[in-house]
């Protein structure tokens, strides 16, 4: 490997690290709201942290420092678990609602962006 090629590869690594550092220094967080508009307790995680308020009618405002990834159980029944993940957008308002588009399972839940 030539010295110039090695220097270029090192520069790319430093540039990538600088981008990550800049994100942390500039705040590097996202804020969003999640509402439960179903009749079920919706268990979900944001960046690996479990919600404290899964009950119907609950509203949670999240500050995410690790990307804003939500993972939630899409089945309203307590004995069934089926997980789905989304990357939430900064400033977004989201609501869990009954998923009327699926047929065959009246307990399906989906997360919709409402604002």
N, C-alpha and C. Protein backbone atom coordinates (compact mmCIF):
# COMPACT_ATOMS: atom_id res chain seq x y z
N UNK A 1 0.85 -1.17 0.00
CA UNK A 1 0.00 0.00 0.00
C UNK A 1 0.90 1.23 0.00
N UNK A 2 0.58 2.15 -0.85
CA UNK A 2 1.40 3.37 -0.93
C UNK A 2 1.12 4.27 0.27
N UNK A 3 2.09 5.13 0.55
CA UNK A 3 1.94 6.06 1.67
C UNK A 3 0.77 7.01 1.44
N UNK A 4 0.59 7.47 0.19
CA UNK A 4 -0.51 8.38 -0.14
C UNK A 4 -1.86 7.70 0.08
N UNK A 5 -1.96 6.43 -0.32
CA UNK A 5 -3.23 5.71 -0.15
C UNK A 5 -3.54 5.55 1.33
N UNK A 6 -2.53 5.24 2.12
CA UNK A 6 -2.71 5.09 3.56
C UNK A 6 -3.17 6.40 4.18
N UNK A 7 -2.56 7.52 3.75
CA UNK A 7 -2.95 8.83 4.27
C UNK A 7 -4.40 9.15 3.92
N UNK A 8 -4.79 8.82 2.69
CA UNK A 8 -6.18 9.08 2.27
C UNK A 8 -7.16 8.25 3.09
N UNK A 9 -6.83 6.99 3.34
CA UNK A 9 -7.72 6.15 4.15
C UNK A 9 -7.82 6.69 5.56
N UNK A 10 -6.72 7.12 6.13
CA UNK A 10 -6.74 7.71 7.47
C UNK A 10 -7.58 8.98 7.49
N UNK A 11 -7.48 9.79 6.44
CA UNK A 11 -8.27 11.02 6.35
C UNK A 11 -9.76 10.68 6.34
N UNK A 12 -10.16 9.65 5.58
CA UNK A 12 -11.57 9.24 5.55
C UNK A 12 -12.04 8.82 6.93
N UNK A 13 -11.22 8.11 7.68
CA UNK A 13 -11.58 7.68 9.02
C UNK A 13 -11.74 8.89 9.93
N UNK A 14 -10.80 9.83 9.86
CA UNK A 14 -10.88 11.04 10.68
C UNK A 14 -12.12 11.84 10.31
N UNK A 15 -12.43 11.93 9.02
CA UNK A 15 -13.60 12.67 8.58
C UNK A 15 -14.88 12.05 9.14
N UNK A 16 -14.95 10.72 9.12
CA UNK A 16 -16.13 10.03 9.66
C UNK A 16 -16.25 10.27 11.16
N UNK A 17 -15.14 10.18 11.88
CA UNK A 17 -15.16 10.44 13.31
C UNK A 17 -15.54 11.88 13.60
N UNK A 18 -15.05 12.82 12.80
CA UNK A 18 -15.39 14.23 12.97
C UNK A 18 -16.89 14.47 12.80
N UNK A 19 -17.52 13.79 11.85
CA UNK A 19 -18.96 13.94 11.65
C UNK A 19 -19.73 13.46 12.87
N UNK A 20 -19.31 12.32 13.43
CA UNK A 20 -19.97 11.80 14.63
C UNK A 20 -19.77 12.74 15.81
N UNK A 21 -18.57 13.25 15.96
CA UNK A 21 -18.27 14.18 17.06
C UNK A 21 -19.09 15.46 16.90
N UNK A 22 -19.19 15.96 15.68
CA UNK A 22 -19.95 17.19 15.43
C UNK A 22 -21.41 17.00 15.80
N UNK A 23 -21.95 15.82 15.51
CA UNK A 23 -23.35 15.56 15.86
C UNK A 23 -23.53 15.59 17.37
N UNK A 24 -22.61 15.00 18.10
CA UNK A 24 -22.71 15.00 19.56
C UNK A 24 -22.56 16.41 20.11
N UNK A 25 -21.59 17.16 19.59
CA UNK A 25 -21.33 18.52 20.08
C UNK A 25 -22.52 19.43 19.79
N UNK A 26 -23.12 19.27 18.61
CA UNK A 26 -24.22 20.15 18.24
C UNK A 26 -25.53 19.76 18.90
N UNK A 27 -25.52 18.78 19.72
CA UNK A 27 -26.75 18.34 20.38
C UNK A 27 -26.97 16.89 20.10
N UNK A 28 -27.02 16.52 18.82
CA UNK A 28 -27.16 15.13 18.42
C UNK A 28 -28.36 14.44 19.00
N UNK A 29 -29.46 15.15 19.15
CA UNK A 29 -30.64 14.51 19.71
C UNK A 29 -31.87 14.87 18.88
N UNK A 30 -32.91 14.08 19.08
CA UNK A 30 -34.20 14.32 18.43
C UNK A 30 -35.29 14.31 19.49
N UNK A 31 -36.28 15.12 19.29
CA UNK A 31 -37.42 15.18 20.21
C UNK A 31 -38.68 14.87 19.42
N UNK A 32 -39.52 14.00 19.96
CA UNK A 32 -40.78 13.68 19.30
C UNK A 32 -41.80 13.23 20.33
N UNK A 33 -43.05 13.21 19.92
CA UNK A 33 -44.16 12.86 20.80
C UNK A 33 -44.81 11.58 20.30
N UNK A 34 -45.16 10.70 21.25
CA UNK A 34 -45.84 9.45 20.92
C UNK A 34 -47.12 9.37 21.76
N UNK A 35 -48.25 9.18 21.06
CA UNK A 35 -49.56 9.08 21.72
C UNK A 35 -50.12 7.68 21.51
N UNK A 36 -50.81 7.19 22.52
CA UNK A 36 -51.50 5.90 22.39
C UNK A 36 -52.99 6.16 22.22
N UNK A 37 -53.47 6.07 20.99
CA UNK A 37 -54.88 6.30 20.70
C UNK A 37 -55.61 4.99 20.44
N UNK A 38 -55.16 3.92 21.09
CA UNK A 38 -55.82 2.62 20.98
C UNK A 38 -56.49 2.30 22.31
N UNK A 39 -57.15 1.18 22.37
CA UNK A 39 -57.74 0.71 23.63
C UNK A 39 -56.84 -0.31 24.32
N UNK A 40 -55.60 -0.45 23.83
CA UNK A 40 -54.65 -1.43 24.34
C UNK A 40 -53.47 -0.76 25.02
N UNK A 41 -52.84 -1.53 25.91
CA UNK A 41 -51.52 -1.13 26.40
C UNK A 41 -50.53 -1.45 25.29
N UNK A 42 -49.89 -0.44 24.74
CA UNK A 42 -48.92 -0.64 23.66
C UNK A 42 -47.52 -0.56 24.27
N UNK A 43 -46.85 -1.69 24.28
CA UNK A 43 -45.51 -1.74 24.82
C UNK A 43 -44.53 -1.38 23.72
N UNK A 44 -43.65 -0.42 24.02
CA UNK A 44 -42.69 0.00 23.02
C UNK A 44 -41.40 0.50 23.67
N UNK A 45 -40.36 0.55 22.85
CA UNK A 45 -39.04 0.99 23.26
C UNK A 45 -38.59 2.11 22.32
N UNK A 46 -37.87 3.07 22.85
CA UNK A 46 -37.23 4.10 22.03
C UNK A 46 -35.74 4.02 22.34
N UNK A 47 -34.97 3.73 21.32
CA UNK A 47 -33.52 3.55 21.48
C UNK A 47 -33.20 2.58 22.62
N UNK A 48 -34.01 1.54 22.73
CA UNK A 48 -33.78 0.49 23.73
C UNK A 48 -34.37 0.76 25.10
N UNK A 49 -34.95 1.94 25.32
CA UNK A 49 -35.53 2.27 26.62
C UNK A 49 -37.05 2.05 26.56
N UNK A 50 -37.56 1.24 27.48
CA UNK A 50 -38.97 0.89 27.50
C UNK A 50 -39.82 2.05 28.01
N UNK A 51 -40.97 2.23 27.39
CA UNK A 51 -41.88 3.28 27.84
C UNK A 51 -42.42 2.95 29.23
N UNK A 52 -42.66 3.98 30.00
CA UNK A 52 -43.27 3.83 31.31
C UNK A 52 -44.79 3.92 31.22
N UNK A 53 -45.29 4.39 30.07
CA UNK A 53 -46.72 4.67 29.94
C UNK A 53 -47.32 3.98 28.71
N UNK A 54 -47.58 2.67 28.79
CA UNK A 54 -48.15 1.98 27.63
C UNK A 54 -49.67 2.09 27.53
N UNK A 55 -50.32 2.63 28.53
CA UNK A 55 -51.79 2.57 28.62
C UNK A 55 -52.49 3.45 27.58
N UNK A 56 -53.74 3.12 27.29
CA UNK A 56 -54.53 3.93 26.36
C UNK A 56 -54.62 5.38 26.82
N UNK A 57 -54.50 6.30 25.88
CA UNK A 57 -54.59 7.72 26.19
C UNK A 57 -53.28 8.36 26.62
N UNK A 58 -52.26 7.56 26.85
CA UNK A 58 -50.97 8.11 27.31
C UNK A 58 -50.29 8.91 26.20
N UNK A 59 -49.60 9.96 26.62
CA UNK A 59 -48.80 10.79 25.71
C UNK A 59 -47.41 10.90 26.31
N UNK A 60 -46.39 10.60 25.51
CA UNK A 60 -45.01 10.68 25.97
C UNK A 60 -44.20 11.55 25.03
N UNK A 61 -43.40 12.43 25.61
CA UNK A 61 -42.46 13.24 24.83
C UNK A 61 -41.08 12.65 25.08
N UNK A 62 -40.42 12.29 23.99
CA UNK A 62 -39.13 11.62 24.06
C UNK A 62 -38.02 12.53 23.55
N UNK A 63 -36.88 12.44 24.20
CA UNK A 63 -35.65 13.03 23.69
C UNK A 63 -34.72 11.86 23.45
N UNK A 64 -34.37 11.64 22.20
CA UNK A 64 -33.57 10.48 21.82
C UNK A 64 -32.17 10.93 21.42
N UNK A 65 -31.19 10.25 21.95
CA UNK A 65 -29.79 10.57 21.67
C UNK A 65 -29.11 9.52 20.80
N UNK A 66 -29.84 8.44 20.48
CA UNK A 66 -29.24 7.33 19.74
C UNK A 66 -29.98 7.03 18.44
N UNK A 67 -30.60 8.03 17.84
CA UNK A 67 -31.21 7.83 16.53
C UNK A 67 -32.72 7.89 16.48
N UNK A 68 -33.39 7.71 17.61
CA UNK A 68 -34.85 7.78 17.62
C UNK A 68 -35.51 6.57 16.98
N UNK A 69 -35.01 5.38 17.28
CA UNK A 69 -35.59 4.16 16.74
C UNK A 69 -36.65 3.65 17.72
N UNK A 70 -37.87 3.50 17.23
CA UNK A 70 -38.95 2.97 18.05
C UNK A 70 -39.21 1.53 17.64
N UNK A 71 -39.41 0.68 18.64
CA UNK A 71 -39.74 -0.73 18.44
C UNK A 71 -41.00 -0.98 19.25
N UNK A 72 -42.05 -1.49 18.60
CA UNK A 72 -43.31 -1.66 19.30
C UNK A 72 -44.00 -2.96 18.90
N UNK A 73 -44.86 -3.43 19.80
CA UNK A 73 -45.64 -4.64 19.57
C UNK A 73 -46.87 -4.25 18.77
N UNK A 74 -47.03 -4.84 17.58
CA UNK A 74 -48.12 -4.44 16.69
C UNK A 74 -49.42 -5.21 16.95
N UNK A 75 -49.42 -6.08 17.95
CA UNK A 75 -50.62 -6.86 18.26
C UNK A 75 -51.14 -6.43 19.63
N UNK A 76 -52.39 -6.02 19.71
CA UNK A 76 -52.98 -5.51 20.95
C UNK A 76 -53.18 -6.56 22.03
N UNK A 77 -53.11 -7.82 21.67
CA UNK A 77 -53.32 -8.88 22.66
C UNK A 77 -52.04 -9.09 23.47
N UNK A 78 -52.21 -9.35 24.77
CA UNK A 78 -51.04 -9.50 25.64
C UNK A 78 -50.27 -10.78 25.39
N UNK A 79 -50.91 -11.82 24.92
CA UNK A 79 -50.23 -13.11 24.73
C UNK A 79 -49.47 -13.22 23.42
N UNK A 80 -49.65 -12.27 22.54
CA UNK A 80 -49.00 -12.31 21.23
C UNK A 80 -48.02 -11.14 21.12
N UNK A 81 -46.84 -11.44 20.61
CA UNK A 81 -45.84 -10.39 20.41
C UNK A 81 -45.35 -10.44 18.97
N UNK A 82 -45.45 -9.33 18.30
CA UNK A 82 -44.90 -9.18 16.96
C UNK A 82 -44.37 -7.75 16.90
N UNK A 83 -43.07 -7.62 16.69
CA UNK A 83 -42.40 -6.33 16.81
C UNK A 83 -42.17 -5.69 15.45
N UNK A 84 -42.24 -4.37 15.45
CA UNK A 84 -41.95 -3.56 14.26
C UNK A 84 -41.07 -2.40 14.70
N UNK A 85 -40.19 -1.95 13.79
CA UNK A 85 -39.28 -0.82 14.09
C UNK A 85 -39.45 0.28 13.05
N UNK A 86 -39.33 1.51 13.54
CA UNK A 86 -39.30 2.68 12.67
C UNK A 86 -38.27 3.67 13.21
N UNK A 87 -37.75 4.50 12.34
CA UNK A 87 -36.88 5.60 12.72
C UNK A 87 -37.75 6.85 12.76
N UNK A 88 -37.94 7.41 13.94
CA UNK A 88 -38.80 8.58 14.09
C UNK A 88 -38.07 9.86 13.71
N UNK A 89 -38.82 10.80 13.18
CA UNK A 89 -38.24 12.07 12.72
C UNK A 89 -38.28 13.11 13.84
N UNK A 90 -37.24 13.90 13.89
CA UNK A 90 -37.15 14.97 14.88
C UNK A 90 -38.35 15.91 14.73
N UNK A 91 -39.00 16.21 15.85
CA UNK A 91 -40.13 17.12 15.86
C UNK A 91 -41.45 16.46 15.49
N UNK A 92 -41.43 15.19 15.15
CA UNK A 92 -42.64 14.50 14.73
C UNK A 92 -43.58 14.19 15.89
N UNK A 93 -44.87 14.11 15.56
CA UNK A 93 -45.90 13.69 16.50
C UNK A 93 -46.49 12.41 15.92
N UNK A 94 -46.50 11.36 16.72
CA UNK A 94 -46.92 10.04 16.26
C UNK A 94 -48.03 9.51 17.15
N UNK A 95 -48.87 8.64 16.57
CA UNK A 95 -49.96 8.04 17.34
C UNK A 95 -50.10 6.57 16.99
N UNK A 96 -50.22 5.76 18.03
CA UNK A 96 -50.61 4.37 17.85
C UNK A 96 -52.11 4.37 17.63
N UNK A 97 -52.53 3.69 16.57
CA UNK A 97 -53.95 3.58 16.24
C UNK A 97 -54.24 2.17 15.74
N UNK A 98 -55.51 1.82 15.75
CA UNK A 98 -55.91 0.54 15.16
C UNK A 98 -55.55 0.56 13.68
N UNK A 99 -55.02 -0.56 13.21
CA UNK A 99 -54.66 -0.68 11.80
C UNK A 99 -55.83 -1.30 11.06
N UNK A 100 -56.60 -0.47 10.39
CA UNK A 100 -57.80 -0.92 9.67
C UNK A 100 -57.48 -1.52 8.31
N UNK A 101 -56.23 -1.40 7.86
CA UNK A 101 -55.86 -1.90 6.54
C UNK A 101 -55.59 -3.40 6.51
N UNK A 102 -55.27 -3.97 7.67
CA UNK A 102 -55.00 -5.41 7.69
C UNK A 102 -56.31 -6.17 7.87
N UNK A 103 -56.38 -7.31 7.22
CA UNK A 103 -57.59 -8.14 7.34
C UNK A 103 -57.22 -9.40 8.09
N UNK A 104 -58.15 -9.91 8.85
CA UNK A 104 -57.94 -11.15 9.56
C UNK A 104 -57.46 -10.99 10.98
N UNK A 105 -56.99 -9.82 11.38
CA UNK A 105 -56.57 -9.60 12.76
C UNK A 105 -57.07 -8.24 13.23
N UNK A 106 -58.18 -8.23 13.96
CA UNK A 106 -58.73 -6.95 14.43
C UNK A 106 -57.89 -6.30 15.53
N UNK A 107 -56.82 -6.96 16.00
CA UNK A 107 -55.98 -6.44 17.07
C UNK A 107 -54.73 -5.73 16.56
N UNK A 108 -54.60 -5.61 15.26
CA UNK A 108 -53.41 -4.97 14.68
C UNK A 108 -53.34 -3.50 15.06
N UNK A 109 -52.13 -3.08 15.38
CA UNK A 109 -51.83 -1.69 15.74
C UNK A 109 -50.77 -1.18 14.79
N UNK A 110 -50.85 0.09 14.45
CA UNK A 110 -49.83 0.72 13.61
C UNK A 110 -49.49 2.08 14.21
N UNK A 111 -48.31 2.56 13.90
CA UNK A 111 -47.87 3.87 14.34
C UNK A 111 -47.96 4.82 13.15
N UNK A 112 -48.71 5.91 13.32
CA UNK A 112 -48.93 6.87 12.26
C UNK A 112 -48.33 8.22 12.64
N UNK A 113 -47.76 8.89 11.68
CA UNK A 113 -47.31 10.27 11.90
C UNK A 113 -48.50 11.18 11.74
N UNK A 114 -48.79 11.98 12.76
CA UNK A 114 -49.96 12.86 12.72
C UNK A 114 -49.58 14.33 12.79
N UNK A 115 -48.32 14.61 12.88
CA UNK A 115 -47.90 16.01 12.94
C UNK A 115 -46.43 16.16 12.78
